[in-house]
Amino acid sequence: MKIIQHVFVALIFLTVQSAWSQENSQRILNELTQKTNSYTNIKVGFSYEMTNKEADIHEVTEGELLVAGDKYRLKIAGQEIISNGKTMWTYIADADEVQINEINQEDSFSPTKLLSSYTEDYDTELEKEYTENNRTYYLFKLHPKDKESGFDYVHLKVDKAKMQVAAFVLYDFDKNVFSYLIKEYLTNVALSENAFTFDPSKYPGVDIIDMR
């Protein structure tokens, strides 16, 4: 579950909606906010890399996240996490099972709720504006106010022309580095009626574990 939490902590920036500390940061990120909030949904394809040089760890995988308000569908590391805001389905491919849990509204773990607490607890600064591969980016650095947050700081990379998040790099106190590169960014995609529910007919023989 830890990798899933790390993914959410990073990708919540795709729906950023709060005030920021520095005036220049606030101006830029408010523009990002306004553009992002105009979308009914966002679908992101991303690559994920976890490294720890001292421990000789280097893991790479691909992921996909679909977000529409408090509803989401995340695919990564052989798992598929689906939430309609009330119920959460966790499908584990290796075990060919799906766990069903009822979401506690006060303690629910969703991109939107994480966003609110995350942005309130971090200070943000615009480190620089730079050009890379003929594109211009803003690079923000976020520092947690709570030293027990588990993260030292986060780098957020924003494409200036598109006004879209391009990448994240999260650094924790155990010298782990979690990098996310946005490879595909689609908005207002057509969704099926059951986009945020688990359809067992698509997983013949799946073991259903209802924990509600």
N, C-alpha and C. Protein backbone atom coordinates (compact mmCIF):
# COMPACT_ATOMS: atom_id res chain seq x y z
N MET A 1 0.82 -1.20 0.00
CA MET A 1 0.00 0.00 0.00
C MET A 1 0.86 1.26 0.00
N LYS A 2 2.11 1.15 0.45
CA LYS A 2 2.96 2.32 0.55
C LYS A 2 3.19 2.96 -0.80
N ILE A 3 3.41 2.15 -1.83
CA ILE A 3 3.63 2.71 -3.16
C ILE A 3 2.40 3.44 -3.64
N ILE A 4 1.20 2.92 -3.30
CA ILE A 4 -0.05 3.57 -3.70
C ILE A 4 -0.16 4.93 -3.04
N GLN A 5 0.19 5.02 -1.75
CA GLN A 5 0.13 6.28 -1.04
C GLN A 5 1.10 7.29 -1.65
N HIS A 6 2.30 6.84 -2.01
CA HIS A 6 3.27 7.74 -2.62
C HIS A 6 2.75 8.28 -3.94
N VAL A 7 2.08 7.44 -4.71
CA VAL A 7 1.52 7.89 -5.98
C VAL A 7 0.49 8.98 -5.75
N PHE A 8 -0.40 8.76 -4.77
CA PHE A 8 -1.42 9.75 -4.50
C PHE A 8 -0.81 11.06 -4.02
N VAL A 9 0.16 10.96 -3.13
CA VAL A 9 0.79 12.18 -2.60
C VAL A 9 1.35 13.01 -3.74
N ALA A 10 1.88 12.36 -4.77
CA ALA A 10 2.43 13.10 -5.90
C ALA A 10 1.35 13.61 -6.83
N LEU A 11 0.45 12.74 -7.24
CA LEU A 11 -0.47 13.10 -8.32
C LEU A 11 -1.62 13.99 -7.89
N ILE A 12 -1.77 14.24 -6.59
CA ILE A 12 -2.80 15.19 -6.17
C ILE A 12 -2.55 16.57 -6.74
N PHE A 13 -1.31 16.86 -7.13
CA PHE A 13 -1.02 18.17 -7.69
C PHE A 13 -1.75 18.39 -9.00
N LEU A 14 -2.25 17.34 -9.59
CA LEU A 14 -2.98 17.48 -10.84
C LEU A 14 -4.30 18.21 -10.64
N THR A 15 -4.80 18.28 -9.41
CA THR A 15 -6.04 18.98 -9.13
C THR A 15 -5.82 20.02 -8.04
N VAL A 16 -4.69 20.71 -8.08
CA VAL A 16 -4.33 21.65 -7.04
C VAL A 16 -5.34 22.78 -6.94
N GLN A 17 -5.76 23.15 -5.70
CA GLN A 17 -6.84 24.09 -5.51
C GLN A 17 -6.63 25.04 -4.34
N SER A 18 -5.45 25.23 -3.81
CA SER A 18 -5.34 26.06 -2.62
C SER A 18 -4.37 27.20 -2.81
N ALA A 19 -4.29 28.07 -1.79
CA ALA A 19 -3.38 29.21 -1.85
C ALA A 19 -1.96 28.75 -1.61
N TRP A 20 -0.97 29.53 -2.12
CA TRP A 20 0.44 29.18 -2.00
C TRP A 20 1.19 30.32 -1.33
N SER A 21 2.36 30.06 -0.85
CA SER A 21 3.04 30.97 0.05
C SER A 21 3.60 32.22 -0.62
N GLN A 22 4.46 32.09 -1.61
CA GLN A 22 5.09 33.25 -2.21
C GLN A 22 4.19 33.85 -3.29
N GLU A 23 4.33 35.16 -3.47
CA GLU A 23 3.48 35.87 -4.42
C GLU A 23 3.64 35.34 -5.83
N ASN A 24 4.88 35.15 -6.29
CA ASN A 24 5.11 34.64 -7.64
C ASN A 24 4.61 33.21 -7.79
N SER A 25 4.85 32.40 -6.77
CA SER A 25 4.35 31.02 -6.78
C SER A 25 2.84 31.02 -6.85
N GLN A 26 2.22 31.88 -6.08
CA GLN A 26 0.76 31.93 -6.04
C GLN A 26 0.19 32.33 -7.40
N ARG A 27 0.78 33.32 -8.04
CA ARG A 27 0.29 33.76 -9.34
C ARG A 27 0.35 32.63 -10.37
N ILE A 28 1.47 31.93 -10.44
CA ILE A 28 1.64 30.86 -11.42
C ILE A 28 0.73 29.69 -11.10
N LEU A 29 0.71 29.29 -9.84
CA LEU A 29 -0.07 28.11 -9.49
C LEU A 29 -1.57 28.38 -9.48
N ASN A 30 -1.96 29.62 -9.27
CA ASN A 30 -3.37 29.97 -9.41
C ASN A 30 -3.81 29.81 -10.86
N GLU A 31 -2.92 30.17 -11.78
CA GLU A 31 -3.21 29.98 -13.20
C GLU A 31 -3.34 28.49 -13.51
N LEU A 32 -2.43 27.70 -12.94
CA LEU A 32 -2.50 26.24 -13.09
C LEU A 32 -3.81 25.71 -12.51
N THR A 33 -4.20 26.24 -11.37
CA THR A 33 -5.44 25.83 -10.71
C THR A 33 -6.65 26.11 -11.59
N GLN A 34 -6.75 27.31 -12.09
CA GLN A 34 -7.90 27.70 -12.89
C GLN A 34 -8.04 26.84 -14.13
N LYS A 35 -6.93 26.57 -14.78
CA LYS A 35 -6.99 25.73 -15.98
C LYS A 35 -7.37 24.31 -15.62
N THR A 36 -6.76 23.78 -14.58
CA THR A 36 -7.03 22.40 -14.17
C THR A 36 -8.47 22.22 -13.74
N ASN A 37 -9.01 23.19 -13.00
CA ASN A 37 -10.37 23.08 -12.48
C ASN A 37 -11.43 23.20 -13.56
N SER A 38 -11.03 23.62 -14.76
CA SER A 38 -11.99 23.73 -15.85
C SER A 38 -12.29 22.36 -16.47
N TYR A 39 -11.50 21.34 -16.11
CA TYR A 39 -11.69 20.01 -16.66
C TYR A 39 -12.66 19.20 -15.80
N THR A 40 -13.49 18.40 -16.45
CA THR A 40 -14.39 17.52 -15.71
C THR A 40 -13.66 16.28 -15.20
N ASN A 41 -12.60 15.90 -15.90
CA ASN A 41 -11.78 14.78 -15.45
C ASN A 41 -10.40 14.89 -16.07
N ILE A 42 -9.45 14.17 -15.50
CA ILE A 42 -8.08 14.14 -16.00
C ILE A 42 -7.60 12.69 -16.02
N LYS A 43 -7.00 12.31 -17.13
CA LYS A 43 -6.41 10.98 -17.25
C LYS A 43 -4.92 11.14 -17.50
N VAL A 44 -4.13 10.50 -16.66
CA VAL A 44 -2.68 10.67 -16.72
C VAL A 44 -1.98 9.32 -16.85
N GLY A 45 -1.06 9.24 -17.79
CA GLY A 45 -0.16 8.10 -17.87
C GLY A 45 1.20 8.57 -17.37
N PHE A 46 1.83 7.80 -16.52
CA PHE A 46 3.09 8.25 -15.92
C PHE A 46 4.06 7.10 -15.72
N SER A 47 5.32 7.45 -15.64
CA SER A 47 6.34 6.47 -15.27
C SER A 47 6.77 6.78 -13.84
N TYR A 48 7.04 5.73 -13.09
CA TYR A 48 7.40 5.85 -11.68
C TYR A 48 8.76 5.21 -11.47
N GLU A 49 9.62 5.92 -10.77
CA GLU A 49 10.96 5.39 -10.49
C GLU A 49 11.30 5.62 -9.02
N MET A 50 11.72 4.58 -8.34
CA MET A 50 12.12 4.69 -6.94
C MET A 50 13.59 4.29 -6.85
N THR A 51 14.40 5.18 -6.28
CA THR A 51 15.83 4.91 -6.15
C THR A 51 16.33 5.19 -4.73
N ASN A 52 17.31 4.43 -4.34
CA ASN A 52 18.04 4.66 -3.09
C ASN A 52 19.47 4.17 -3.37
N LYS A 53 20.36 5.12 -3.59
CA LYS A 53 21.73 4.76 -3.99
C LYS A 53 22.46 3.97 -2.93
N GLU A 54 22.27 4.33 -1.67
CA GLU A 54 22.96 3.63 -0.59
C GLU A 54 22.51 2.19 -0.47
N ALA A 55 21.22 1.96 -0.71
CA ALA A 55 20.68 0.60 -0.60
C ALA A 55 20.71 -0.13 -1.94
N ASP A 56 21.23 0.53 -2.98
CA ASP A 56 21.32 -0.05 -4.32
C ASP A 56 19.95 -0.50 -4.81
N ILE A 57 18.96 0.39 -4.66
CA ILE A 57 17.60 0.11 -5.10
C ILE A 57 17.27 0.97 -6.31
N HIS A 58 16.74 0.33 -7.32
CA HIS A 58 16.30 1.06 -8.51
C HIS A 58 15.11 0.32 -9.10
N GLU A 59 13.91 0.88 -8.91
CA GLU A 59 12.69 0.26 -9.39
C GLU A 59 12.00 1.19 -10.37
N VAL A 60 11.51 0.62 -11.46
CA VAL A 60 10.82 1.41 -12.48
C VAL A 60 9.53 0.70 -12.87
N THR A 61 8.45 1.45 -12.98
CA THR A 61 7.19 0.88 -13.42
C THR A 61 6.35 1.95 -14.09
N GLU A 62 5.27 1.53 -14.70
CA GLU A 62 4.36 2.47 -15.36
C GLU A 62 3.03 2.49 -14.61
N GLY A 63 2.33 3.61 -14.72
CA GLY A 63 1.05 3.73 -14.04
C GLY A 63 0.08 4.58 -14.82
N GLU A 64 -1.18 4.51 -14.42
CA GLU A 64 -2.23 5.30 -15.05
C GLU A 64 -3.23 5.73 -13.99
N LEU A 65 -3.63 6.99 -14.03
CA LEU A 65 -4.57 7.51 -13.05
C LEU A 65 -5.66 8.29 -13.75
N LEU A 66 -6.91 7.98 -13.42
CA LEU A 66 -8.07 8.72 -13.90
C LEU A 66 -8.74 9.34 -12.70
N VAL A 67 -8.93 10.66 -12.72
CA VAL A 67 -9.50 11.38 -11.59
C VAL A 67 -10.67 12.24 -12.04
N ALA A 68 -11.77 12.18 -11.28
CA ALA A 68 -12.92 13.05 -11.50
C ALA A 68 -13.49 13.39 -10.13
N GLY A 69 -13.07 14.51 -9.58
CA GLY A 69 -13.50 14.86 -8.23
C GLY A 69 -12.93 13.88 -7.22
N ASP A 70 -13.79 13.32 -6.38
CA ASP A 70 -13.37 12.33 -5.38
C ASP A 70 -13.32 10.92 -5.95
N LYS A 71 -13.68 10.75 -7.19
CA LYS A 71 -13.65 9.44 -7.82
C LYS A 71 -12.32 9.26 -8.54
N TYR A 72 -11.81 8.04 -8.50
CA TYR A 72 -10.55 7.80 -9.18
C TYR A 72 -10.38 6.33 -9.54
N ARG A 73 -9.46 6.10 -10.46
CA ARG A 73 -9.11 4.73 -10.87
C ARG A 73 -7.61 4.74 -11.12
N LEU A 74 -6.87 4.01 -10.31
CA LEU A 74 -5.42 3.98 -10.37
C LEU A 74 -4.93 2.58 -10.70
N LYS A 75 -4.03 2.49 -11.70
CA LYS A 75 -3.40 1.23 -12.06
C LYS A 75 -1.90 1.37 -11.89
N ILE A 76 -1.30 0.53 -11.07
CA ILE A 76 0.15 0.55 -10.89
C ILE A 76 0.60 -0.70 -10.15
N ALA A 77 1.78 -1.18 -10.48
CA ALA A 77 2.45 -2.27 -9.77
C ALA A 77 1.55 -3.48 -9.56
N GLY A 78 0.81 -3.87 -10.60
CA GLY A 78 -0.02 -5.07 -10.51
C GLY A 78 -1.28 -4.89 -9.68
N GLN A 79 -1.61 -3.66 -9.35
CA GLN A 79 -2.84 -3.39 -8.60
C GLN A 79 -3.70 -2.39 -9.34
N GLU A 80 -5.00 -2.47 -9.07
CA GLU A 80 -5.94 -1.52 -9.61
C GLU A 80 -6.83 -1.06 -8.46
N ILE A 81 -6.77 0.22 -8.17
CA ILE A 81 -7.55 0.79 -7.07
C ILE A 81 -8.65 1.64 -7.67
N ILE A 82 -9.89 1.33 -7.33
CA ILE A 82 -11.05 2.03 -7.89
C ILE A 82 -11.92 2.56 -6.76
N SER A 83 -12.34 3.81 -6.88
CA SER A 83 -13.21 4.39 -5.86
C SER A 83 -14.28 5.25 -6.51
N ASN A 84 -15.51 5.08 -6.07
CA ASN A 84 -16.61 5.93 -6.53
C ASN A 84 -16.99 6.96 -5.48
N GLY A 85 -16.13 7.11 -4.47
CA GLY A 85 -16.37 8.07 -3.41
C GLY A 85 -17.03 7.46 -2.19
N LYS A 86 -17.64 6.28 -2.36
CA LYS A 86 -18.31 5.59 -1.26
C LYS A 86 -17.72 4.21 -1.02
N THR A 87 -17.37 3.54 -2.10
CA THR A 87 -16.82 2.18 -2.04
C THR A 87 -15.47 2.15 -2.74
N MET A 88 -14.54 1.36 -2.19
CA MET A 88 -13.23 1.21 -2.82
C MET A 88 -12.98 -0.26 -3.13
N TRP A 89 -12.55 -0.52 -4.36
CA TRP A 89 -12.19 -1.87 -4.79
C TRP A 89 -10.69 -1.91 -5.03
N THR A 90 -10.03 -2.91 -4.48
CA THR A 90 -8.59 -3.08 -4.68
C THR A 90 -8.37 -4.43 -5.35
N TYR A 91 -8.01 -4.40 -6.62
CA TYR A 91 -7.78 -5.63 -7.36
C TYR A 91 -6.30 -5.93 -7.39
N ILE A 92 -5.92 -7.14 -6.96
CA ILE A 92 -4.53 -7.57 -6.93
C ILE A 92 -4.35 -8.68 -7.97
N ALA A 93 -3.63 -8.37 -9.02
CA ALA A 93 -3.54 -9.27 -10.16
C ALA A 93 -2.89 -10.61 -9.80
N ASP A 94 -1.79 -10.59 -9.05
CA ASP A 94 -1.08 -11.83 -8.72
C ASP A 94 -1.96 -12.80 -7.94
N ALA A 95 -2.81 -12.27 -7.07
CA ALA A 95 -3.68 -13.12 -6.26
C ALA A 95 -5.02 -13.37 -6.94
N ASP A 96 -5.28 -12.66 -8.03
CA ASP A 96 -6.56 -12.72 -8.73
C ASP A 96 -7.72 -12.55 -7.74
N GLU A 97 -7.60 -11.51 -6.94
CA GLU A 97 -8.65 -11.21 -5.97
C GLU A 97 -8.94 -9.72 -5.93
N VAL A 98 -10.14 -9.38 -5.50
CA VAL A 98 -10.52 -7.99 -5.30
C VAL A 98 -11.06 -7.83 -3.89
N GLN A 99 -10.57 -6.84 -3.19
CA GLN A 99 -11.04 -6.53 -1.85
C GLN A 99 -11.97 -5.33 -1.94
N ILE A 100 -13.12 -5.43 -1.28
CA ILE A 100 -14.10 -4.36 -1.31
C ILE A 100 -14.22 -3.75 0.08
N ASN A 101 -14.04 -2.43 0.16
CA ASN A 101 -14.13 -1.73 1.43
C ASN A 101 -15.06 -0.53 1.32
N GLU A 102 -15.77 -0.28 2.40
CA GLU A 102 -16.59 0.92 2.46
C GLU A 102 -15.69 2.07 2.88
N ILE A 103 -15.86 3.22 2.26
CA ILE A 103 -15.02 4.38 2.55
C ILE A 103 -15.59 5.18 3.70
N ASN A 104 -14.78 5.38 4.73
CA ASN A 104 -15.15 6.25 5.84
C ASN A 104 -14.94 7.68 5.37
N GLN A 105 -16.01 8.47 5.33
CA GLN A 105 -15.91 9.82 4.76
C GLN A 105 -14.93 10.70 5.51
N GLU A 106 -14.76 10.48 6.82
CA GLU A 106 -13.84 11.30 7.60
C GLU A 106 -12.39 10.89 7.38
N ASP A 107 -12.18 9.59 7.17
CA ASP A 107 -10.81 9.08 7.04
C ASP A 107 -10.48 8.63 5.63
N SER A 108 -11.35 8.93 4.68
CA SER A 108 -11.16 8.44 3.32
C SER A 108 -9.85 8.95 2.72
N PHE A 109 -9.27 8.11 1.89
CA PHE A 109 -7.96 8.38 1.29
C PHE A 109 -8.16 8.63 -0.20
N SER A 110 -8.37 9.89 -0.58
CA SER A 110 -8.64 10.22 -1.97
C SER A 110 -7.75 11.37 -2.41
N PRO A 111 -7.55 11.52 -3.73
CA PRO A 111 -6.71 12.62 -4.21
C PRO A 111 -7.18 13.98 -3.73
N THR A 112 -8.50 14.20 -3.73
CA THR A 112 -9.02 15.51 -3.34
C THR A 112 -8.77 15.81 -1.88
N LYS A 113 -9.01 14.85 -0.99
CA LYS A 113 -8.80 15.09 0.44
C LYS A 113 -7.32 15.21 0.77
N LEU A 114 -6.50 14.42 0.10
CA LEU A 114 -5.07 14.53 0.31
C LEU A 114 -4.58 15.91 -0.13
N LEU A 115 -5.16 16.38 -1.21
CA LEU A 115 -4.78 17.68 -1.72
C LEU A 115 -4.96 18.76 -0.67
N SER A 116 -6.13 18.77 -0.05
CA SER A 116 -6.45 19.82 0.91
C SER A 116 -5.46 19.86 2.06
N SER A 117 -5.19 18.71 2.68
CA SER A 117 -4.29 18.69 3.82
C SER A 117 -2.84 18.89 3.39
N TYR A 118 -2.49 18.36 2.20
CA TYR A 118 -1.09 18.43 1.75
C TYR A 118 -0.68 19.88 1.49
N THR A 119 -1.52 20.63 0.78
CA THR A 119 -1.15 21.99 0.43
C THR A 119 -1.19 22.91 1.64
N GLU A 120 -2.02 22.59 2.61
CA GLU A 120 -2.06 23.41 3.82
C GLU A 120 -0.82 23.19 4.67
N ASP A 121 -0.21 22.04 4.56
CA ASP A 121 0.91 21.68 5.44
C ASP A 121 2.28 21.90 4.80
N TYR A 122 2.33 22.42 3.60
CA TYR A 122 3.60 22.62 2.91
C TYR A 122 3.79 24.07 2.50
N ASP A 123 5.02 24.55 2.63
CA ASP A 123 5.40 25.86 2.10
C ASP A 123 5.99 25.67 0.71
N THR A 124 5.68 26.59 -0.18
CA THR A 124 6.09 26.45 -1.57
C THR A 124 6.95 27.63 -2.01
N GLU A 125 7.99 27.34 -2.76
CA GLU A 125 8.82 28.40 -3.33
C GLU A 125 9.13 28.07 -4.79
N LEU A 126 9.19 29.10 -5.61
CA LEU A 126 9.58 28.94 -7.00
C LEU A 126 11.09 29.01 -7.07
N GLU A 127 11.72 27.86 -7.37
CA GLU A 127 13.18 27.82 -7.41
C GLU A 127 13.75 28.48 -8.66
N LYS A 128 13.15 28.17 -9.80
CA LYS A 128 13.69 28.72 -11.04
C LYS A 128 12.74 28.50 -12.20
N GLU A 129 12.99 29.22 -13.26
CA GLU A 129 12.36 29.03 -14.55
C GLU A 129 13.47 28.67 -15.53
N TYR A 130 13.33 27.58 -16.25
CA TYR A 130 14.43 27.13 -17.10
C TYR A 130 13.91 26.46 -18.37
N THR A 131 14.82 26.30 -19.33
CA THR A 131 14.47 25.68 -20.61
C THR A 131 15.16 24.33 -20.74
N GLU A 132 14.39 23.36 -21.19
CA GLU A 132 14.90 22.00 -21.38
C GLU A 132 14.24 21.40 -22.61
N ASN A 133 15.04 20.93 -23.56
CA ASN A 133 14.52 20.35 -24.79
C ASN A 133 13.54 21.29 -25.49
N ASN A 134 13.92 22.56 -25.53
CA ASN A 134 13.15 23.59 -26.22
C ASN A 134 11.79 23.88 -25.57
N ARG A 135 11.62 23.49 -24.32
CA ARG A 135 10.41 23.82 -23.58
C ARG A 135 10.81 24.53 -22.29
N THR A 136 9.95 25.44 -21.84
CA THR A 136 10.23 26.20 -20.63
C THR A 136 9.41 25.65 -19.46
N TYR A 137 10.08 25.50 -18.32
CA TYR A 137 9.43 24.92 -17.14
C TYR A 137 9.63 25.81 -15.92
N TYR A 138 8.68 25.71 -15.00
CA TYR A 138 8.83 26.24 -13.66
C TYR A 138 9.21 25.08 -12.75
N LEU A 139 10.13 25.32 -11.82
CA LEU A 139 10.47 24.30 -10.84
C LEU A 139 10.17 24.84 -9.45
N PHE A 140 9.23 24.17 -8.76
CA PHE A 140 8.84 24.55 -7.41
C PHE A 140 9.43 23.58 -6.40
N LYS A 141 9.70 24.10 -5.22
CA LYS A 141 10.17 23.25 -4.13
C LYS A 141 9.20 23.39 -2.96
N LEU A 142 8.72 22.27 -2.44
CA LEU A 142 7.75 22.26 -1.36
C LEU A 142 8.38 21.67 -0.11
N HIS A 143 8.25 22.39 0.99
CA HIS A 143 8.80 21.95 2.26
C HIS A 143 7.67 21.65 3.24
N PRO A 144 7.68 20.50 3.87
CA PRO A 144 6.62 20.19 4.84
C PRO A 144 6.79 21.01 6.13
N LYS A 145 5.68 21.54 6.63
CA LYS A 145 5.71 22.24 7.90
C LYS A 145 5.80 21.23 9.05
N ASP A 146 5.17 20.08 8.86
CA ASP A 146 5.20 19.02 9.86
C ASP A 146 6.40 18.11 9.58
N LYS A 147 7.37 18.10 10.46
CA LYS A 147 8.57 17.28 10.27
C LYS A 147 8.29 15.79 10.39
N GLU A 148 7.09 15.44 10.83
CA GLU A 148 6.71 14.02 10.92
C GLU A 148 5.99 13.57 9.66
N SER A 149 5.98 14.38 8.64
CA SER A 149 5.23 14.07 7.42
C SER A 149 5.82 12.88 6.66
N GLY A 150 7.11 12.60 6.87
CA GLY A 150 7.74 11.49 6.18
C GLY A 150 8.52 11.90 4.94
N PHE A 151 8.32 13.15 4.49
CA PHE A 151 9.03 13.65 3.32
C PHE A 151 9.88 14.85 3.68
N ASP A 152 11.07 14.92 3.13
CA ASP A 152 11.94 16.06 3.34
C ASP A 152 11.47 17.24 2.49
N TYR A 153 11.34 17.00 1.18
CA TYR A 153 10.81 18.02 0.29
C TYR A 153 10.36 17.38 -1.03
N VAL A 154 9.68 18.19 -1.84
CA VAL A 154 9.15 17.72 -3.12
C VAL A 154 9.51 18.74 -4.19
N HIS A 155 9.96 18.28 -5.34
CA HIS A 155 10.14 19.13 -6.50
C HIS A 155 8.96 18.93 -7.44
N LEU A 156 8.38 20.04 -7.87
CA LEU A 156 7.24 20.02 -8.78
C LEU A 156 7.62 20.77 -10.05
N LYS A 157 7.52 20.10 -11.19
CA LYS A 157 7.90 20.66 -12.48
C LYS A 157 6.64 20.95 -13.30
N VAL A 158 6.51 22.20 -13.75
CA VAL A 158 5.31 22.62 -14.48
C VAL A 158 5.70 23.15 -15.85
N ASP A 159 5.03 22.65 -16.88
CA ASP A 159 5.25 23.13 -18.24
C ASP A 159 4.61 24.52 -18.37
N LYS A 160 5.42 25.54 -18.67
CA LYS A 160 4.93 26.92 -18.69
C LYS A 160 3.92 27.15 -19.80
N ALA A 161 4.19 26.69 -21.01
CA ALA A 161 3.30 26.94 -22.14
C ALA A 161 1.98 26.19 -22.00
N LYS A 162 2.04 24.93 -21.61
CA LYS A 162 0.82 24.12 -21.47
C LYS A 162 0.12 24.39 -20.14
N MET A 163 0.86 24.93 -19.17
CA MET A 163 0.37 25.12 -17.81
C MET A 163 -0.18 23.79 -17.28
N GLN A 164 0.70 22.79 -17.34
CA GLN A 164 0.37 21.45 -16.86
C GLN A 164 1.55 20.90 -16.07
N VAL A 165 1.24 20.04 -15.13
CA VAL A 165 2.29 19.38 -14.36
C VAL A 165 3.05 18.42 -15.28
N ALA A 166 4.37 18.48 -15.24
CA ALA A 166 5.21 17.64 -16.10
C ALA A 166 5.90 16.53 -15.33
N ALA A 167 6.27 16.79 -14.07
CA ALA A 167 6.99 15.78 -13.29
C ALA A 167 6.97 16.13 -11.81
N PHE A 168 7.23 15.12 -10.97
CA PHE A 168 7.38 15.27 -9.53
C PHE A 168 8.60 14.48 -9.09
N VAL A 169 9.29 14.97 -8.10
CA VAL A 169 10.34 14.18 -7.46
C VAL A 169 10.18 14.37 -5.96
N LEU A 170 9.94 13.28 -5.24
CA LEU A 170 9.74 13.32 -3.79
C LEU A 170 10.95 12.72 -3.09
N TYR A 171 11.42 13.40 -2.05
CA TYR A 171 12.59 12.96 -1.29
C TYR A 171 12.16 12.72 0.16
N ASP A 172 12.41 11.50 0.66
CA ASP A 172 12.05 11.24 2.06
C ASP A 172 13.31 11.21 2.93
N PHE A 173 13.11 11.02 4.23
CA PHE A 173 14.23 11.08 5.17
C PHE A 173 15.07 9.81 5.17
N ASP A 174 14.61 8.76 4.47
CA ASP A 174 15.38 7.53 4.37
C ASP A 174 16.24 7.50 3.11
N LYS A 175 16.38 8.67 2.47
CA LYS A 175 17.18 8.83 1.25
C LYS A 175 16.59 8.09 0.06
N ASN A 176 15.27 7.86 0.12
CA ASN A 176 14.56 7.33 -1.02
C ASN A 176 14.11 8.50 -1.90
N VAL A 177 14.20 8.30 -3.21
CA VAL A 177 13.76 9.31 -4.16
C VAL A 177 12.69 8.69 -5.04
N PHE A 178 11.50 9.32 -5.07
CA PHE A 178 10.38 8.82 -5.84
C PHE A 178 10.12 9.80 -6.98
N SER A 179 10.36 9.37 -8.21
CA SER A 179 10.22 10.26 -9.37
C SER A 179 9.02 9.85 -10.21
N TYR A 180 8.29 10.85 -10.68
CA TYR A 180 7.11 10.62 -11.50
C TYR A 180 7.21 11.52 -12.74
N LEU A 181 7.18 10.92 -13.89
CA LEU A 181 7.22 11.65 -15.15
C LEU A 181 5.88 11.49 -15.85
N ILE A 182 5.20 12.62 -16.09
CA ILE A 182 3.91 12.57 -16.76
C ILE A 182 4.16 12.36 -18.25
N LYS A 183 3.71 11.23 -18.76
CA LYS A 183 3.96 10.88 -20.16
C LYS A 183 2.74 11.17 -21.04
N GLU A 184 1.57 11.15 -20.44
CA GLU A 184 0.33 11.43 -21.17
C GLU A 184 -0.61 12.19 -20.26
N TYR A 185 -1.19 13.27 -20.77
CA TYR A 185 -2.07 14.12 -19.97
C TYR A 185 -3.30 14.42 -20.82
N LEU A 186 -4.40 13.74 -20.52
CA LEU A 186 -5.63 13.91 -21.28
C LEU A 186 -6.71 14.50 -20.37
N THR A 187 -7.56 15.32 -20.96
CA THR A 187 -8.62 15.97 -20.17
C THR A 187 -9.98 15.77 -20.82
N ASN A 188 -11.02 15.80 -19.98
CA ASN A 188 -12.40 15.68 -20.44
C ASN A 188 -12.60 14.48 -21.36
N VAL A 189 -12.05 13.34 -20.93
CA VAL A 189 -12.18 12.13 -21.74
C VAL A 189 -13.58 11.54 -21.57
N ALA A 190 -14.05 10.83 -22.57
CA ALA A 190 -15.35 10.18 -22.49
C ALA A 190 -15.27 9.01 -21.51
N LEU A 191 -16.22 8.96 -20.58
CA LEU A 191 -16.21 7.93 -19.55
C LEU A 191 -17.45 7.05 -19.65
N SER A 192 -17.28 5.77 -19.38
CA SER A 192 -18.43 4.86 -19.32
C SER A 192 -19.15 5.06 -17.99
N GLU A 193 -20.36 4.55 -17.89
CA GLU A 193 -21.15 4.72 -16.68
C GLU A 193 -20.50 4.06 -15.47
N ASN A 194 -19.77 2.98 -15.71
CA ASN A 194 -19.13 2.25 -14.60
C ASN A 194 -17.63 2.49 -14.55
N ALA A 195 -17.19 3.67 -14.96
CA ALA A 195 -15.75 3.98 -14.98
C ALA A 195 -15.13 3.89 -13.60
N PHE A 196 -15.92 4.15 -12.56
CA PHE A 196 -15.37 4.16 -11.21
C PHE A 196 -16.01 3.09 -10.32
N THR A 197 -16.31 1.96 -10.94
CA THR A 197 -16.77 0.78 -10.20
C THR A 197 -16.05 -0.44 -10.75
N PHE A 198 -15.97 -1.49 -9.95
CA PHE A 198 -15.30 -2.72 -10.37
C PHE A 198 -16.32 -3.64 -11.02
N ASP A 199 -16.03 -4.08 -12.23
CA ASP A 199 -16.92 -4.96 -12.98
C ASP A 199 -16.34 -6.38 -12.95
N PRO A 200 -16.88 -7.27 -12.09
CA PRO A 200 -16.31 -8.62 -11.99
C PRO A 200 -16.42 -9.44 -13.26
N SER A 201 -17.34 -9.07 -14.15
CA SER A 201 -17.49 -9.83 -15.40
C SER A 201 -16.26 -9.70 -16.29
N LYS A 202 -15.46 -8.67 -16.05
CA LYS A 202 -14.24 -8.47 -16.83
C LYS A 202 -13.05 -9.22 -16.23
N TYR A 203 -13.29 -9.87 -15.07
CA TYR A 203 -12.23 -10.62 -14.38
C TYR A 203 -12.77 -12.01 -14.03
N PRO A 204 -12.97 -12.87 -15.03
CA PRO A 204 -13.55 -14.20 -14.79
C PRO A 204 -12.78 -14.98 -13.73
N GLY A 205 -13.50 -15.53 -12.76
CA GLY A 205 -12.88 -16.34 -11.72
C GLY A 205 -12.26 -15.56 -10.59
N VAL A 206 -12.40 -14.25 -10.59
CA VAL A 206 -11.80 -13.42 -9.53
C VAL A 206 -12.39 -13.76 -8.17
N ASP A 207 -11.56 -13.81 -7.17
CA ASP A 207 -11.99 -14.07 -5.79
C ASP A 207 -12.42 -12.75 -5.17
N ILE A 208 -13.69 -12.65 -4.81
CA ILE A 208 -14.22 -11.40 -4.27
C ILE A 208 -14.23 -11.48 -2.74
N ILE A 209 -13.52 -10.56 -2.11
CA ILE A 209 -13.47 -10.50 -0.65
C ILE A 209 -14.14 -9.21 -0.20
N ASP A 210 -15.36 -9.35 0.28
CA ASP A 210 -16.15 -8.18 0.69
C ASP A 210 -15.89 -7.90 2.16
N MET A 211 -15.21 -6.82 2.45
CA MET A 211 -14.83 -6.48 3.82
C MET A 211 -15.71 -5.38 4.41
N ARG A 212 -16.83 -5.10 3.79
CA ARG A 212 -17.72 -4.05 4.30
C ARG A 212 -18.52 -4.56 5.49
